[in-house]
């Protein structure tokens, strides 16, 4: 199929057969898997997956691509012609394995959207901008560690799996890409009842990265609170671990009761 990639959908089609084979090896699909592919494009991963799976669900917003997929892979393929950001993944049940070459322009909001369904997910493998993957898996007190790291690490164990060069795509993006594996934790580090407060506190802490916690969290914690938590108020947001943010959330939640 001849298809002109559309900028508004962030389309970069994977064409390197050796990279495709390596990704399939990493994902390790088996018959019976309940697998969903986001943004199948022209079928680079769809084809080898259909050779293994009993059924594959795909989510694709581009109607031209939907028409092509419908004609080419009539059997075993279930197509949802919808924006993945609006898709209710709970409709597909549990034990979900989700994969995809995610459009760079919506990757972060889509990851947060998928986080809402983490209890239904077995694992996820995504192709993302390398810079985004590095932020996702970053450790405290490193330059890449930030709001994205903390919010996703609350729900998922994550690992960078494979760096993919730009020339593996058509058209080549201006950046390198990487595969990330995301596996939901049995329970999030922050209890669900504290999730909104957690998001609020992390957002406040990182609102001015160069300022200390004494300033960014002054509306939430007193000097005595910091001392009780054994957290140095002279530190910055990126210096705290997820466990320390969890302790702050508990303290603020208790203070508000």
Protein backbone atom coordinates (compact mmCIF):
# COMPACT_ATOMS: atom_id res chain seq x y z
CA UNK A 1 0.00 0.00 0.00
CA UNK A 2 1.20 3.49 -0.85
CA UNK A 3 0.37 5.77 2.05
CA UNK A 4 1.61 9.28 2.74
CA UNK A 5 2.44 9.54 6.46
CA UNK A 6 0.32 12.17 8.16
CA UNK A 7 2.03 14.62 10.48
CA UNK A 8 -1.09 15.20 12.56
CA UNK A 9 -1.09 11.51 13.50
CA UNK A 10 2.69 11.46 14.11
CA UNK A 11 3.14 8.60 11.64
CA UNK A 12 6.57 6.99 11.23
CA UNK A 13 6.29 3.46 9.87
CA UNK A 14 8.72 0.77 11.04
CA UNK A 15 10.32 -0.89 7.99
CA UNK A 16 13.53 -2.56 9.24
CA UNK A 17 12.84 -6.31 9.11
CA UNK A 18 15.64 -7.20 11.54
CA UNK A 19 14.29 -4.75 14.13
CA UNK A 20 10.76 -6.09 13.61
CA UNK A 21 11.98 -9.65 14.22
CA UNK A 22 13.81 -8.57 17.38
CA UNK A 23 10.71 -6.79 18.73
CA UNK A 24 8.56 -9.87 18.16
CA UNK A 25 11.19 -11.95 19.99
CA UNK A 26 11.12 -9.50 22.92
CA UNK A 27 7.31 -9.47 23.12
CA UNK A 28 7.16 -13.28 22.81
CA UNK A 29 3.50 -13.63 21.78
CA UNK A 30 1.83 -17.02 22.17
CA UNK A 31 -1.54 -18.34 20.97
CA UNK A 32 -4.25 -17.36 23.41
CA UNK A 33 -2.70 -14.01 24.33
CA UNK A 34 -5.24 -11.19 24.59
CA UNK A 35 -3.14 -8.70 22.64
CA UNK A 36 -3.94 -5.15 21.53
CA UNK A 37 -1.79 -3.19 19.10
CA UNK A 38 -2.04 0.61 19.18
CA UNK A 39 -1.27 2.27 15.87
CA UNK A 40 -0.62 -0.77 13.65
CA UNK A 41 0.21 1.43 10.67
CA UNK A 42 0.87 -0.67 7.57
CA UNK A 43 1.19 -3.89 9.54
CA UNK A 44 4.92 -4.21 10.30
CA UNK A 45 4.17 -5.92 13.62
CA UNK A 46 0.62 -6.93 12.76
CA UNK A 47 1.68 -9.47 10.14
CA UNK A 48 4.07 -11.53 12.31
CA UNK A 49 1.70 -11.30 15.28
CA UNK A 50 -1.21 -12.70 13.25
CA UNK A 51 0.98 -15.65 12.28
CA UNK A 52 1.11 -16.58 15.97
CA UNK A 53 -2.00 -15.27 17.71
CA UNK A 54 -5.55 -16.60 17.58
CA UNK A 55 -6.83 -13.01 17.44
CA UNK A 56 -5.36 -9.50 17.45
CA UNK A 57 -7.18 -6.31 18.39
CA UNK A 58 -5.85 -3.10 16.87
CA UNK A 59 -6.63 0.56 17.55
CA UNK A 60 -6.13 2.85 14.57
CA UNK A 61 -7.41 6.39 13.98
CA UNK A 62 -6.45 6.74 10.29
CA UNK A 63 -9.42 5.62 8.16
CA UNK A 64 -7.27 4.92 5.09
CA UNK A 65 -5.13 2.54 7.12
CA UNK A 66 -8.25 0.95 8.63
CA UNK A 67 -9.56 0.26 5.11
CA UNK A 68 -6.21 -1.27 4.13
CA UNK A 69 -6.04 -3.47 7.23
CA UNK A 70 -9.65 -4.60 6.74
CA UNK A 71 -8.91 -5.71 3.18
CA UNK A 72 -5.53 -7.28 3.90
CA UNK A 73 -6.10 -9.03 7.22
CA UNK A 74 -9.75 -10.01 7.19
CA UNK A 75 -9.30 -12.99 9.51
CA UNK A 76 -8.31 -12.88 13.19
CA UNK A 77 -8.06 -9.06 13.18
CA UNK A 78 -10.50 -6.89 15.18
CA UNK A 79 -10.17 -3.21 14.29
CA UNK A 80 -11.23 -0.29 16.50
CA UNK A 81 -11.28 2.91 14.42
CA UNK A 82 -10.87 5.36 17.28
CA UNK A 83 -8.38 7.67 18.96
CA UNK A 84 -6.51 5.53 21.53
CA UNK A 85 -6.78 8.42 24.00
CA UNK A 86 -10.56 7.96 23.97
CA UNK A 87 -10.63 4.18 24.00
CA UNK A 88 -12.02 2.38 27.05
CA UNK A 89 -9.62 -0.54 27.46
CA UNK A 90 -11.85 -2.08 30.14
CA UNK A 91 -14.15 -3.16 27.28
CA UNK A 92 -11.54 -5.79 26.34
CA UNK A 93 -11.47 -7.59 29.69
CA UNK A 94 -8.36 -8.39 31.72
CA UNK A 95 -5.00 -10.03 31.12
CA UNK A 96 -4.32 -7.53 28.36
CA UNK A 97 -0.99 -7.39 26.52
CA UNK A 98 -0.69 -3.99 24.84
CA UNK A 99 1.93 -3.07 22.26
CA UNK A 100 2.50 -0.29 19.77
CA UNK A 101 4.67 2.19 17.97
CA UNK A 102 3.14 5.18 19.73
CA UNK A 103 2.86 8.57 18.00
CA UNK A 104 5.41 10.82 19.68
CA UNK A 105 2.96 13.73 19.83
CA UNK A 106 0.54 11.88 22.16
CA UNK A 107 2.82 9.38 23.88
CA UNK A 108 2.83 10.97 27.35
CA UNK A 109 -0.95 11.56 27.66
CA UNK A 110 -1.54 8.07 26.25
CA UNK A 111 0.72 6.49 28.88
CA UNK A 112 -1.23 8.29 31.62
CA UNK A 113 -4.50 7.16 30.01
CA UNK A 114 -3.32 3.54 29.99
CA UNK A 115 -2.27 3.85 33.64
CA UNK A 116 -5.96 4.02 34.55
CA UNK A 117 -6.36 0.43 33.34
CA UNK A 118 -3.20 -1.03 34.93
CA UNK A 119 -5.17 -3.59 36.97
CA UNK A 120 -6.38 -5.17 33.69
CA UNK A 121 -2.96 -5.27 32.02
CA UNK A 122 -0.38 -8.05 32.06
CA UNK A 123 2.35 -6.13 30.24
CA UNK A 124 2.95 -3.44 27.62
CA UNK A 125 5.70 -2.97 25.05
CA UNK A 126 5.96 0.39 23.32
CA UNK A 127 8.19 2.07 20.80
CA UNK A 128 8.75 5.60 22.03
CA UNK A 129 11.15 8.46 21.61
CA UNK A 130 14.39 7.41 23.36
CA UNK A 131 14.35 10.58 25.45
CA UNK A 132 10.89 9.69 26.79
CA UNK A 133 11.93 6.14 27.67
CA UNK A 134 14.99 7.45 29.50
CA UNK A 135 12.73 9.71 31.55
CA UNK A 136 10.35 6.85 32.32
CA UNK A 137 13.04 4.58 33.79
CA UNK A 138 15.21 7.32 35.36
CA UNK A 139 16.45 7.08 38.96
CA UNK A 140 16.27 9.87 41.56
CA UNK A 141 18.94 12.58 41.41
CA UNK A 142 19.57 12.05 37.70
CA UNK A 143 18.85 14.66 34.99
CA UNK A 144 16.05 12.60 33.38
CA UNK A 145 14.15 11.95 36.62
CA UNK A 146 10.95 13.93 36.83
CA UNK A 147 7.17 13.93 37.05
CA UNK A 148 6.79 11.31 34.29
CA UNK A 149 9.27 8.99 36.06
CA UNK A 150 7.49 9.17 39.40
CA UNK A 151 3.91 8.97 38.16
CA UNK A 152 4.57 5.91 35.99
CA UNK A 153 6.91 4.18 38.46
CA UNK A 154 4.08 4.35 40.99
CA UNK A 155 2.13 1.80 38.91
CA UNK A 156 4.69 0.02 36.73
CA UNK A 157 8.00 -1.77 36.75
CA UNK A 158 9.74 -0.54 33.59
CA UNK A 159 12.78 -1.51 31.57
CA UNK A 160 14.39 -0.07 28.45
CA UNK A 161 14.79 -3.00 26.06
CA UNK A 162 16.09 -1.91 22.66
CA UNK A 163 17.33 1.29 21.00
CA UNK A 164 16.04 1.69 17.44
CA UNK A 165 17.83 4.04 15.01
CA UNK A 166 15.90 6.63 13.01
CA UNK A 167 16.70 4.93 9.69
CA UNK A 168 14.55 1.96 10.74
CA UNK A 169 11.47 4.07 9.95
CA UNK A 170 9.82 5.62 6.90
CA UNK A 171 9.94 8.56 7.09
CA UNK A 172 12.87 8.66 9.55
CA UNK A 173 12.07 10.69 12.69
CA UNK A 174 14.53 13.30 13.86
CA UNK A 175 15.24 11.34 17.04
CA UNK A 176 16.22 7.86 18.13
CA UNK A 177 13.57 5.51 19.47
CA UNK A 178 13.52 2.75 22.05
CA UNK A 179 11.37 -0.14 23.19
CA UNK A 180 10.20 -0.01 26.79
CA UNK A 181 8.62 -2.88 28.72
CA UNK A 182 6.01 -1.91 31.33
CA UNK A 183 4.63 -4.42 33.84
CA UNK A 184 2.00 -3.30 36.37
CA UNK A 185 2.85 -3.65 40.03
CA UNK A 186 0.58 -5.93 42.06
CA UNK A 187 -0.38 -2.78 43.97
CA UNK A 188 0.62 0.82 43.22
CA UNK A 189 3.05 2.32 45.71
CA UNK A 190 0.54 5.12 46.39
CA UNK A 191 -2.92 3.79 47.37
CA UNK A 192 -5.68 4.67 44.93
CA UNK A 193 -7.46 6.81 47.53
CA UNK A 194 -4.36 9.06 47.64
CA UNK A 195 -3.80 9.20 43.88
CA UNK A 196 -5.27 12.65 43.25
CA UNK A 197 -3.30 14.15 46.15
CA UNK A 198 -0.16 12.35 44.90
CA UNK A 199 -0.53 13.90 41.43
CA UNK A 200 -1.12 17.31 42.99
CA UNK A 201 1.97 17.11 45.22
CA UNK A 202 4.28 15.85 42.46
CA UNK A 203 3.05 18.58 40.12
CA UNK A 204 3.70 21.22 42.80
CA UNK A 205 7.16 19.82 43.62
CA UNK A 206 8.27 19.94 39.99
CA UNK A 207 6.54 23.22 39.11
CA UNK A 208 9.84 25.06 39.64
CA UNK A 209 12.62 22.50 39.41
CA UNK A 210 15.39 24.83 40.57
CA UNK A 211 13.61 25.69 43.82
CA UNK A 212 13.86 23.62 46.97
CA UNK A 213 11.05 21.59 48.51
CA UNK A 214 10.89 24.18 51.28
CA UNK A 215 9.50 26.57 48.64
CA UNK A 216 7.60 24.32 46.24
CA UNK A 217 5.77 22.40 48.99
CA UNK A 218 5.36 25.26 51.46
CA UNK A 219 1.56 25.06 51.15
CA UNK A 220 1.63 21.38 52.15
CA UNK A 221 4.44 20.86 54.67
CA UNK A 222 5.84 22.82 57.59
CA UNK A 223 9.43 22.71 58.84
CA UNK A 224 8.25 20.32 61.57
CA UNK A 225 6.66 18.07 58.93
CA UNK A 226 9.94 17.81 57.02
CA UNK A 227 11.76 16.97 60.23
CA UNK A 228 9.18 14.33 61.16
CA UNK A 229 9.51 12.78 57.69
CA UNK A 230 13.32 12.91 57.91
CA UNK A 231 13.43 14.72 54.56
CA UNK A 232 15.80 17.63 53.99
CA UNK A 233 13.67 20.59 52.91
CA UNK A 234 16.72 21.98 51.11
CA UNK A 235 16.52 19.17 48.52
CA UNK A 236 14.86 19.60 45.14
CA UNK A 237 12.00 17.55 43.69
CA UNK A 238 14.27 15.32 41.62
CA UNK A 239 16.21 14.20 44.71
CA UNK A 240 13.33 12.31 46.31
CA UNK A 241 12.51 8.65 45.76
CA UNK A 242 9.01 7.35 45.13
CA UNK A 243 8.97 6.00 48.69
CA UNK A 244 9.68 9.50 50.03
CA UNK A 245 6.87 10.96 47.94
CA UNK A 246 4.60 8.24 49.35
CA UNK A 247 5.55 9.31 52.88
CA UNK A 248 4.78 12.95 52.05
CA UNK A 249 1.39 11.98 50.62
CA UNK A 250 0.51 10.05 53.78
CA UNK A 251 1.57 12.99 55.98
CA UNK A 252 -0.47 15.56 54.04
CA UNK A 253 -3.47 13.24 53.83
CA UNK A 254 -3.42 12.69 57.62
CA UNK A 255 -3.05 16.43 58.27
CA UNK A 256 -6.18 17.09 56.21
CA UNK A 257 -8.33 14.61 58.13
